[in-house]
Amino acid sequence: MTLQRKFVFEHTVAHHLDELSIIENKSMNALIRDMIEERYEKLKKQKRLDNFYSGIGLSTGLIGDISIQEIKANRNV
């Protein structure tokens, strides 16, 4: 499904977009789509990395103030 959006650019930005479309031999539509997708993927990757690194501190092996190793050492076998 496609949606139609209207964007208003400053004159210099519009000129840069024109030049890029000529240099890369792509339509302005394709250029903007590619730029948005590239930016979105970068943000998505950064979000995954942030979530990964925020979870590292959670896996310390502690249950309250006692570690799993202490529980194993003190249990009656």
C-alpha atoms as a PDB file:
ATOM      1  CA  MET A   1       0.000   0.000   0.000  1.00  0.00           C
ATOM      2  CA  THR A   2       1.312   3.438  -0.827  1.00  0.00           C
ATOM      3  CA  LEU A   3       0.443   6.734   0.773  1.00  0.00           C
ATOM      4  CA  GLN A   4       0.849  10.178  -0.654  1.00  0.00           C
ATOM      5  CA  ARG A   5       2.606  12.736   1.560  1.00  0.00           C
ATOM      6  CA  LYS A   6       3.471  16.329   0.900  1.00  0.00           C
ATOM      7  CA  PHE A   7       6.823  17.652   2.090  1.00  0.00           C
ATOM      8  CA  VAL A   8       8.016  21.231   2.031  1.00  0.00           C
ATOM      9  CA  PHE A   9      11.772  21.723   1.760  1.00  0.00           C
ATOM     10  CA  GLU A  10      13.903  24.825   1.942  1.00  0.00           C
ATOM     11  CA  HIS A  11      15.227  25.907  -1.431  1.00  0.00           C
ATOM     12  CA  THR A  12      18.774  24.660  -0.759  1.00  0.00           C
ATOM     13  CA  VAL A  13      17.568  21.262   0.462  1.00  0.00           C
ATOM     14  CA  ALA A  14      15.343  20.896  -2.601  1.00  0.00           C
ATOM     15  CA  HIS A  15      18.302  21.787  -4.808  1.00  0.00           C
ATOM     16  CA  HIS A  16      20.482  19.188  -3.049  1.00  0.00           C
ATOM     17  CA  LEU A  17      17.766  16.596  -3.570  1.00  0.00           C
ATOM     18  CA  ASP A  18      17.652  17.463  -7.286  1.00  0.00           C
ATOM     19  CA  GLU A  19      21.425  17.099  -7.567  1.00  0.00           C
ATOM     20  CA  LEU A  20      21.443  13.790  -5.688  1.00  0.00           C
ATOM     21  CA  SER A  21      18.737  12.373  -7.920  1.00  0.00           C
ATOM     22  CA  ILE A  22      20.776  13.264 -11.003  1.00  0.00           C
ATOM     23  CA  ILE A  23      24.077  11.979  -9.589  1.00  0.00           C
ATOM     24  CA  GLU A  24      22.627   8.675  -8.356  1.00  0.00           C
ATOM     25  CA  ASN A  25      20.286   8.302 -11.327  1.00  0.00           C
ATOM     26  CA  LYS A  26      17.303   7.708  -9.036  1.00  0.00           C
ATOM     27  CA  SER A  27      13.981   9.412  -8.675  1.00  0.00           C
ATOM     28  CA  MET A  28      13.527  11.770  -5.748  1.00  0.00           C
ATOM     29  CA  ASN A  29      10.958   9.351  -4.419  1.00  0.00           C
ATOM     30  CA  ALA A  30      13.480   6.492  -4.455  1.00  0.00           C
ATOM     31  CA  LEU A  31      16.166   8.654  -2.836  1.00  0.00           C
ATOM     32  CA  ILE A  32      13.910   9.718   0.020  1.00  0.00           C
ATOM     33  CA  ARG A  33      12.645   6.150   0.503  1.00  0.00           C
ATOM     34  CA  ASP A  34      16.205   4.796   0.633  1.00  0.00           C
ATOM     35  CA  MET A  35      17.312   7.487   3.083  1.00  0.00           C
ATOM     36  CA  ILE A  36      14.365   6.821   5.373  1.00  0.00           C
ATOM     37  CA  GLU A  37      14.922   3.047   5.286  1.00  0.00           C
ATOM     38  CA  GLU A  38      18.646   3.465   5.964  1.00  0.00           C
ATOM     39  CA  ARG A  39      17.974   5.765   8.918  1.00  0.00           C
ATOM     40  CA  TYR A  40      15.252   3.450  10.255  1.00  0.00           C
ATOM     41  CA  GLU A  41      17.527   0.394  10.108  1.00  0.00           C
ATOM     42  CA  LYS A  42      20.274   2.304  11.911  1.00  0.00           C
ATOM     43  CA  LEU A  43      17.879   3.330  14.698  1.00  0.00           C
ATOM     44  CA  LYS A  44      16.443  -0.187  14.921  1.00  0.00           C
ATOM     45  CA  LYS A  45      19.938  -1.660  15.272  1.00  0.00           C
ATOM     46  CA  GLN A  46      20.857   0.898  17.949  1.00  0.00           C
ATOM     47  CA  LYS A  47      17.674   0.103  19.875  1.00  0.00           C
ATOM     48  CA  ARG A  48      18.484  -3.627  19.803  1.00  0.00           C
ATOM     49  CA  LEU A  49      22.022  -2.923  21.035  1.00  0.00           C
ATOM     50  CA  ASP A  50      20.721  -0.684  23.823  1.00  0.00           C
ATOM     51  CA  ASN A  51      18.263  -3.380  24.899  1.00  0.00           C
ATOM     52  CA  PHE A  52      21.016  -6.000  24.820  1.00  0.00           C
ATOM     53  CA  TYR A  53      23.459  -3.955  26.879  1.00  0.00           C
ATOM     54  CA  SER A  54      20.788  -2.880  29.374  1.00  0.00           C
ATOM     55  CA  GLY A  55      20.026  -6.575  30.060  1.00  0.00           C
ATOM     56  CA  ILE A  56      23.638  -7.571  30.754  1.00  0.00           C
ATOM     57  CA  GLY A  57      23.553  -6.265  34.320  1.00  0.00           C
ATOM     58  CA  LEU A  58      20.447  -8.299  35.089  1.00  0.00           C
ATOM     59  CA  SER A  59      22.140 -11.672  34.771  1.00  0.00           C
ATOM     60  CA  THR A  60      24.465 -11.496  37.779  1.00  0.00           C
ATOM     61  CA  GLY A  61      23.524 -14.892  39.205  1.00  0.00           C
ATOM     62  CA  LEU A  62      22.216 -13.352  42.407  1.00  0.00           C
ATOM     63  CA  ILE A  63      18.951 -14.236  44.095  1.00  0.00           C
ATOM     64  CA  GLY A  64      18.509 -11.431  46.571  1.00  0.00           C
ATOM     65  CA  ASP A  65      21.882 -11.137  48.338  1.00  0.00           C
ATOM     66  CA  ILE A  66      22.799 -14.812  47.869  1.00  0.00           C
ATOM     67  CA  SER A  67      24.440 -16.208  44.766  1.00  0.00           C
ATOM     68  CA  ILE A  68      23.391 -19.469  43.150  1.00  0.00           C
ATOM     69  CA  GLN A  69      26.818 -20.886  43.986  1.00  0.00           C
ATOM     70  CA  GLU A  70      26.278 -20.187  47.715  1.00  0.00           C
ATOM     71  CA  ILE A  71      22.893 -21.905  47.627  1.00  0.00           C
ATOM     72  CA  LYS A  72      24.413 -24.968  45.958  1.00  0.00           C
ATOM     73  CA  ALA A  73      27.294 -25.063  48.469  1.00  0.00           C
ATOM     74  CA  ASN A  74      24.981 -24.824  51.487  1.00  0.00           C
ATOM     75  CA  ARG A  75      22.269 -27.282  50.459  1.00  0.00           C
ATOM     76  CA  ASN A  76      22.011 -30.697  52.073  1.00  0.00           C
ATOM     77  CA  VAL A  77      22.656 -33.471  49.617  1.00  0.00           C
END
